[in-house]
């Protein structure tokens, strides 16, 4: 799905978004908090990067998915 669709669904269900190559390794928690989007391990541990900034290529991908 497109990133805006994945983010909307993730926000509605308190979930995260990810891409196929990150399945099982990492995910992104979209928020409106000061830290913005948070990159973390697939199990929700190790928040490693706050304020994730996607590339243009990330924004036009249509293979985003929602993860718990």
PDB file of N, CA and C in Angstrom:
ATOM      1  N   UNK A   1       0.846  -1.174   0.000  1.00  0.00           N
ATOM      2  CA  UNK A   1       0.000   0.000   0.000  1.00  0.00           C
ATOM      3  C   UNK A   1       0.890   1.235   0.000  1.00  0.00           C
ATOM      4  N   UNK A   2       0.307   2.369  -0.348  1.00  0.00           N
ATOM      5  CA  UNK A   2       1.042   3.626  -0.340  1.00  0.00           C
ATOM      6  C   UNK A   2       1.311   4.049   1.102  1.00  0.00           C
ATOM      7  N   UNK A   3       2.349   4.852   1.306  1.00  0.00           N
ATOM      8  CA  UNK A   3       2.736   5.230   2.670  1.00  0.00           C
ATOM      9  C   UNK A   3       1.599   5.939   3.414  1.00  0.00           C
ATOM     10  N   UNK A   4       0.845   6.796   2.746  1.00  0.00           N
ATOM     11  CA  UNK A   4      -0.231   7.497   3.449  1.00  0.00           C
ATOM     12  C   UNK A   4      -1.327   6.531   3.900  1.00  0.00           C
ATOM     13  N   UNK A   5      -1.564   5.479   3.124  1.00  0.00           N
ATOM     14  CA  UNK A   5      -2.547   4.472   3.517  1.00  0.00           C
ATOM     15  C   UNK A   5      -2.044   3.669   4.710  1.00  0.00           C
ATOM     16  N   UNK A   6      -0.768   3.292   4.671  1.00  0.00           N
ATOM     17  CA  UNK A   6      -0.177   2.515   5.764  1.00  0.00           C
ATOM     18  C   UNK A   6      -0.147   3.330   7.056  1.00  0.00           C
ATOM     19  N   UNK A   7       0.238   4.600   6.967  1.00  0.00           N
ATOM     20  CA  UNK A   7       0.294   5.447   8.161  1.00  0.00           C
ATOM     21  C   UNK A   7      -1.104   5.635   8.748  1.00  0.00           C
ATOM     22  N   UNK A   8      -2.082   5.892   7.917  1.00  0.00           N
ATOM     23  CA  UNK A   8      -3.453   6.073   8.413  1.00  0.00           C
ATOM     24  C   UNK A   8      -3.931   4.828   9.151  1.00  0.00           C
ATOM     25  N   UNK A   9      -3.722   3.665   8.559  1.00  0.00           N
ATOM     26  CA  UNK A   9      -4.142   2.409   9.192  1.00  0.00           C
ATOM     27  C   UNK A   9      -3.356   2.159  10.478  1.00  0.00           C
ATOM     28  N   UNK A  10      -2.053   2.431  10.452  1.00  0.00           N
ATOM     29  CA  UNK A  10      -1.218   2.232  11.643  1.00  0.00           C
ATOM     30  C   UNK A  10      -1.676   3.143  12.780  1.00  0.00           C
ATOM     31  N   UNK A  11      -1.974   4.395  12.479  1.00  0.00           N
ATOM     32  CA  UNK A  11      -2.430   5.323  13.513  1.00  0.00           C
ATOM     33  C   UNK A  11      -3.766   4.891  14.100  1.00  0.00           C
ATOM     34  N   UNK A  12      -4.668   4.401  13.269  1.00  0.00           N
ATOM     35  CA  UNK A  12      -5.984   3.960  13.741  1.00  0.00           C
ATOM     36  C   UNK A  12      -5.877   2.779  14.695  1.00  0.00           C
ATOM     37  N   UNK A  13      -4.868   1.927  14.501  1.00  0.00           N
ATOM     38  CA  UNK A  13      -4.742   0.694  15.281  1.00  0.00           C
ATOM     39  C   UNK A  13      -3.513   0.646  16.176  1.00  0.00           C
ATOM     40  N   UNK A  14      -2.861   1.805  16.381  1.00  0.00           N
ATOM     41  CA  UNK A  14      -1.654   1.888  17.213  1.00  0.00           C
ATOM     42  C   UNK A  14      -0.611   0.860  16.780  1.00  0.00           C
ATOM     43  N   UNK A  15      -0.315   0.861  15.480  1.00  0.00           N
ATOM     44  CA  UNK A  15       0.641  -0.080  14.920  1.00  0.00           C
ATOM     45  C   UNK A  15       1.795   0.669  14.260  1.00  0.00           C
ATOM     46  N   UNK A  16       2.647  -0.056  13.571  1.00  0.00           N
ATOM     47  CA  UNK A  16       3.810   0.495  12.893  1.00  0.00           C
ATOM     48  C   UNK A  16       3.737   0.186  11.407  1.00  0.00           C
ATOM     49  N   UNK A  17       4.621   0.808  10.636  1.00  0.00           N
ATOM     50  CA  UNK A  17       4.715   0.536   9.205  1.00  0.00           C
ATOM     51  C   UNK A  17       6.086  -0.045   8.893  1.00  0.00           C
ATOM     52  N   UNK A  18       6.181  -0.745   7.794  1.00  0.00           N
ATOM     53  CA  UNK A  18       7.458  -1.322   7.396  1.00  0.00           C
ATOM     54  C   UNK A  18       7.459  -1.569   5.887  1.00  0.00           C
ATOM     55  N   UNK A  19       8.611  -1.960   5.405  1.00  0.00           N
ATOM     56  CA  UNK A  19       8.804  -2.313   4.000  1.00  0.00           C
ATOM     57  C   UNK A  19       9.243  -3.769   3.911  1.00  0.00           C
ATOM     58  N   UNK A  20       9.053  -4.409   2.768  1.00  0.00           N
ATOM     59  CA  UNK A  20       9.393  -5.830   2.649  1.00  0.00           C
ATOM     60  C   UNK A  20      10.810  -6.184   3.102  1.00  0.00           C
ATOM     61  N   UNK A  21      11.786  -5.361   2.760  1.00  0.00           N
ATOM     62  CA  UNK A  21      13.169  -5.697   3.124  1.00  0.00           C
ATOM     63  C   UNK A  21      13.461  -5.521   4.611  1.00  0.00           C
ATOM     64  N   UNK A  22      12.532  -4.901   5.362  1.00  0.00           N
ATOM     65  CA  UNK A  22      12.732  -4.719   6.792  1.00  0.00           C
ATOM     66  C   UNK A  22      11.905  -5.685   7.641  1.00  0.00           C
ATOM     67  N   UNK A  23      11.043  -6.494   7.016  1.00  0.00           N
ATOM     68  CA  UNK A  23      10.213  -7.434   7.771  1.00  0.00           C
ATOM     69  C   UNK A  23      11.081  -8.313   8.655  1.00  0.00           C
ATOM     70  N   UNK A  24      10.708  -8.388   9.912  1.00  0.00           N
ATOM     71  CA  UNK A  24      11.446  -9.221  10.850  1.00  0.00           C
ATOM     72  C   UNK A  24      12.676  -8.557  11.441  1.00  0.00           C
ATOM     73  N   UNK A  25      13.026  -7.372  10.966  1.00  0.00           N
ATOM     74  CA  UNK A  25      14.212  -6.695  11.510  1.00  0.00           C
ATOM     75  C   UNK A  25      13.904  -5.325  12.096  1.00  0.00           C
ATOM     76  N   UNK A  26      13.061  -4.536  11.420  1.00  0.00           N
ATOM     77  CA  UNK A  26      12.754  -3.201  11.940  1.00  0.00           C
ATOM     78  C   UNK A  26      11.397  -2.713  11.449  1.00  0.00           C
ATOM     79  N   UNK A  27      10.903  -1.679  12.128  1.00  0.00           N
ATOM     80  CA  UNK A  27       9.636  -1.077  11.771  1.00  0.00           C
ATOM     81  C   UNK A  27       9.665   0.387  12.192  1.00  0.00           C
ATOM     82  N   UNK A  28       8.685   1.145  11.728  1.00  0.00           N
ATOM     83  CA  UNK A  28       8.624   2.577  11.985  1.00  0.00           C
ATOM     84  C   UNK A  28       7.297   2.909  12.645  1.00  0.00           C
ATOM     85  N   UNK A  29       7.369   3.584  13.788  1.00  0.00           N
ATOM     86  CA  UNK A  29       6.162   4.000  14.517  1.00  0.00           C
ATOM     87  C   UNK A  29       5.862   5.444  14.150  1.00  0.00           C
ATOM     88  N   UNK A  30       4.797   5.700  13.358  1.00  0.00           N
ATOM     89  CA  UNK A  30       4.457   7.082  13.015  1.00  0.00           C
ATOM     90  C   UNK A  30       3.748   7.755  14.195  1.00  0.00           C
ATOM     91  N   UNK A  31       4.180   8.967  14.544  1.00  0.00           N
ATOM     92  CA  UNK A  31       3.540   9.721  15.622  1.00  0.00           C
ATOM     93  C   UNK A  31       3.507  11.202  15.264  1.00  0.00           C
ATOM     94  N   UNK A  32       2.750  11.958  16.035  1.00  0.00           N
ATOM     95  CA  UNK A  32       2.759  13.414  15.954  1.00  0.00           C
ATOM     96  C   UNK A  32       3.478  13.994  17.162  1.00  0.00           C
ATOM     97  N   UNK A  33       4.139  13.150  17.924  1.00  0.00           N
ATOM     98  CA  UNK A  33       4.889  13.580  19.102  1.00  0.00           C
ATOM     99  C   UNK A  33       6.176  14.270  18.674  1.00  0.00           C
ATOM    100  N   UNK A  34       6.884  14.923  19.599  1.00  0.00           N
ATOM    101  CA  UNK A  34       8.127  15.610  19.241  1.00  0.00           C
ATOM    102  C   UNK A  34       9.148  14.730  18.532  1.00  0.00           C
ATOM    103  N   UNK A  35       9.211  13.446  18.850  1.00  0.00           N
ATOM    104  CA  UNK A  35      10.166  12.544  18.205  1.00  0.00           C
ATOM    105  C   UNK A  35       9.749  12.123  16.804  1.00  0.00           C
ATOM    106  N   UNK A  36       8.518  12.474  16.416  1.00  0.00           N
ATOM    107  CA  UNK A  36       7.949  12.123  15.120  1.00  0.00           C
ATOM    108  C   UNK A  36       7.980  10.617  14.889  1.00  0.00           C
ATOM    109  N   UNK A  37       8.427  10.188  13.732  1.00  0.00           N
ATOM    110  CA  UNK A  37       8.465   8.759  13.414  1.00  0.00           C
ATOM    111  C   UNK A  37       9.683   8.117  14.073  1.00  0.00           C
ATOM    112  N   UNK A  38       9.472   6.951  14.671  1.00  0.00           N
ATOM    113  CA  UNK A  38      10.515   6.285  15.440  1.00  0.00           C
ATOM    114  C   UNK A  38      10.851   4.947  14.792  1.00  0.00           C
ATOM    115  N   UNK A  39      12.104   4.750  14.442  1.00  0.00           N
ATOM    116  CA  UNK A  39      12.575   3.473  13.899  1.00  0.00           C
ATOM    117  C   UNK A  39      12.957   2.592  15.083  1.00  0.00           C
ATOM    118  N   UNK A  40      12.499   1.334  15.061  1.00  0.00           N
ATOM    119  CA  UNK A  40      12.794   0.396  16.159  1.00  0.00           C
ATOM    120  C   UNK A  40      12.940  -1.011  15.624  1.00  0.00           C
ATOM    121  N   UNK A  41      13.399  -1.904  16.486  1.00  0.00           N
ATOM    122  CA  UNK A  41      13.501  -3.306  16.120  1.00  0.00           C
ATOM    123  C   UNK A  41      12.123  -3.880  15.849  1.00  0.00           C
ATOM    124  N   UNK A  42      12.053  -4.964  15.110  1.00  0.00           N
ATOM    125  CA  UNK A  42      10.776  -5.584  14.755  1.00  0.00           C
ATOM    126  C   UNK A  42       9.964  -5.982  15.977  1.00  0.00           C
ATOM    127  N   UNK A  43      10.639  -6.277  17.087  1.00  0.00           N
ATOM    128  CA  UNK A  43       9.937  -6.659  18.309  1.00  0.00           C
ATOM    129  C   UNK A  43       9.552  -5.449  19.160  1.00  0.00           C
ATOM    130  N   UNK A  44       9.801  -4.239  18.657  1.00  0.00           N
ATOM    131  CA  UNK A  44       9.447  -3.024  19.376  1.00  0.00           C
ATOM    132  C   UNK A  44      10.533  -2.513  20.291  1.00  0.00           C
ATOM    133  N   UNK A  45      11.631  -3.229  20.346  1.00  0.00           N
ATOM    134  CA  UNK A  45      12.726  -2.817  21.219  1.00  0.00           C
ATOM    135  C   UNK A  45      13.703  -1.911  20.479  1.00  0.00           C
ATOM    136  N   UNK A  46      14.613  -1.392  21.208  1.00  0.00           N
ATOM    137  CA  UNK A  46      15.725  -0.612  20.671  1.00  0.00           C
ATOM    138  C   UNK A  46      15.291   0.527  19.762  1.00  0.00           C
ATOM    139  N   UNK A  47      14.468   1.460  20.268  1.00  0.00           N
ATOM    140  CA  UNK A  47      14.181   2.608  19.408  1.00  0.00           C
ATOM    141  C   UNK A  47      15.513   3.236  19.008  1.00  0.00           C
ATOM    142  N   UNK A  48      15.830   3.171  17.751  1.00  0.00           N
ATOM    143  CA  UNK A  48      17.177   3.532  17.331  1.00  0.00           C
ATOM    144  C   UNK A  48      17.283   4.896  16.682  1.00  0.00           C
ATOM    145  N   UNK A  49      16.176   5.392  16.177  1.00  0.00           N
ATOM    146  CA  UNK A  49      16.254   6.674  15.492  1.00  0.00           C
ATOM    147  C   UNK A  49      14.925   7.402  15.628  1.00  0.00           C
ATOM    148  N   UNK A  50      15.000   8.594  16.169  1.00  0.00           N
ATOM    149  CA  UNK A  50      13.807   9.433  16.300  1.00  0.00           C
ATOM    150  C   UNK A  50      13.831  10.467  15.184  1.00  0.00           C
ATOM    151  N   UNK A  51      12.662  10.837  14.699  1.00  0.00           N
ATOM    152  CA  UNK A  51      12.585  11.838  13.656  1.00  0.00           C
ATOM    153  C   UNK A  51      13.003  11.304  12.299  1.00  0.00           C
ATOM    154  N   UNK A  52      12.675  10.042  12.022  1.00  0.00           N
ATOM    155  CA  UNK A  52      13.006   9.420  10.732  1.00  0.00           C
ATOM    156  C   UNK A  52      12.560  10.336   9.599  1.00  0.00           C
ATOM    157  N   UNK A  53      13.429  10.512   8.629  1.00  0.00           N
ATOM    158  CA  UNK A  53      13.124  11.347   7.472  1.00  0.00           C
ATOM    159  C   UNK A  53      13.213  10.485   6.222  1.00  0.00           C
ATOM    160  N   UNK A  54      12.075  10.183   5.615  1.00  0.00           N
ATOM    161  CA  UNK A  54      12.078   9.324   4.433  1.00  0.00           C
ATOM    162  C   UNK A  54      12.682  10.021   3.217  1.00  0.00           C
ATOM    163  N   UNK A  55      13.227   9.222   2.346  1.00  0.00           N
ATOM    164  CA  UNK A  55      13.724   9.747   1.072  1.00  0.00           C
ATOM    165  C   UNK A  55      12.542   9.897   0.113  1.00  0.00           C
ATOM    166  N   UNK A  56      12.751  10.589  -0.986  1.00  0.00           N
ATOM    167  CA  UNK A  56      11.709  10.701  -2.002  1.00  0.00           C
ATOM    168  C   UNK A  56      11.315   9.315  -2.507  1.00  0.00           C
ATOM    169  N   UNK A  57      12.310   8.451  -2.678  1.00  0.00           N
ATOM    170  CA  UNK A  57      12.027   7.087  -3.144  1.00  0.00           C
ATOM    171  C   UNK A  57      11.134   6.341  -2.151  1.00  0.00           C
ATOM    172  N   UNK A  58      11.360   6.538  -0.834  1.00  0.00           N
ATOM    173  CA  UNK A  58      10.514   5.910   0.184  1.00  0.00           C
ATOM    174  C   UNK A  58       9.069   6.392   0.061  1.00  0.00           C
ATOM    175  N   UNK A  59       8.904   7.665  -0.202  1.00  0.00           N
ATOM    176  CA  UNK A  59       7.561   8.253  -0.247  1.00  0.00           C
ATOM    177  C   UNK A  59       6.741   7.820  -1.445  1.00  0.00           C
ATOM    178  N   UNK A  60       7.384   7.395  -2.517  1.00  0.00           N
ATOM    179  CA  UNK A  60       6.616   6.985  -3.709  1.00  0.00           C
ATOM    180  C   UNK A  60       6.498   5.474  -3.854  1.00  0.00           C
ATOM    181  N   UNK A  61       7.031   4.728  -2.894  1.00  0.00           N
ATOM    182  CA  UNK A  61       6.877   3.268  -2.925  1.00  0.00           C
ATOM    183  C   UNK A  61       5.434   2.891  -2.629  1.00  0.00           C
ATOM    184  N   UNK A  62       4.997   1.769  -3.183  1.00  0.00           N
ATOM    185  CA  UNK A  62       3.628   1.317  -2.901  1.00  0.00           C
ATOM    186  C   UNK A  62       3.614  -0.066  -2.259  1.00  0.00           C
ATOM    187  N   UNK A  63       4.731  -0.413  -1.591  1.00  0.00           N
ATOM    188  CA  UNK A  63       4.803  -1.729  -0.933  1.00  0.00           C
ATOM    189  C   UNK A  63       4.950  -1.615   0.585  1.00  0.00           C
ATOM    190  N   UNK A  64       4.436  -0.529   1.159  1.00  0.00           N
ATOM    191  CA  UNK A  64       4.415  -0.376   2.603  1.00  0.00           C
ATOM    192  C   UNK A  64       3.389  -1.316   3.204  1.00  0.00           C
ATOM    193  N   UNK A  65       3.633  -1.767   4.432  1.00  0.00           N
ATOM    194  CA  UNK A  65       2.668  -2.600   5.121  1.00  0.00           C
ATOM    195  C   UNK A  65       2.596  -2.177   6.582  1.00  0.00           C
ATOM    196  N   UNK A  66       1.569  -2.672   7.277  1.00  0.00           N
ATOM    197  CA  UNK A  66       1.344  -2.354   8.683  1.00  0.00           C
ATOM    198  C   UNK A  66       1.731  -3.569   9.504  1.00  0.00           C
ATOM    199  N   UNK A  67       2.458  -3.307  10.592  1.00  0.00           N
ATOM    200  CA  UNK A  67       2.914  -4.365  11.501  1.00  0.00           C
ATOM    201  C   UNK A  67       2.445  -4.042  12.912  1.00  0.00           C
ATOM    202  N   UNK A  68       2.274  -5.046  13.733  1.00  0.00           N
ATOM    203  CA  UNK A  68       1.910  -4.827  15.150  1.00  0.00           C
ATOM    204  C   UNK A  68       3.079  -4.307  15.923  1.00  0.00           C
TER     205      UNK A  68
END
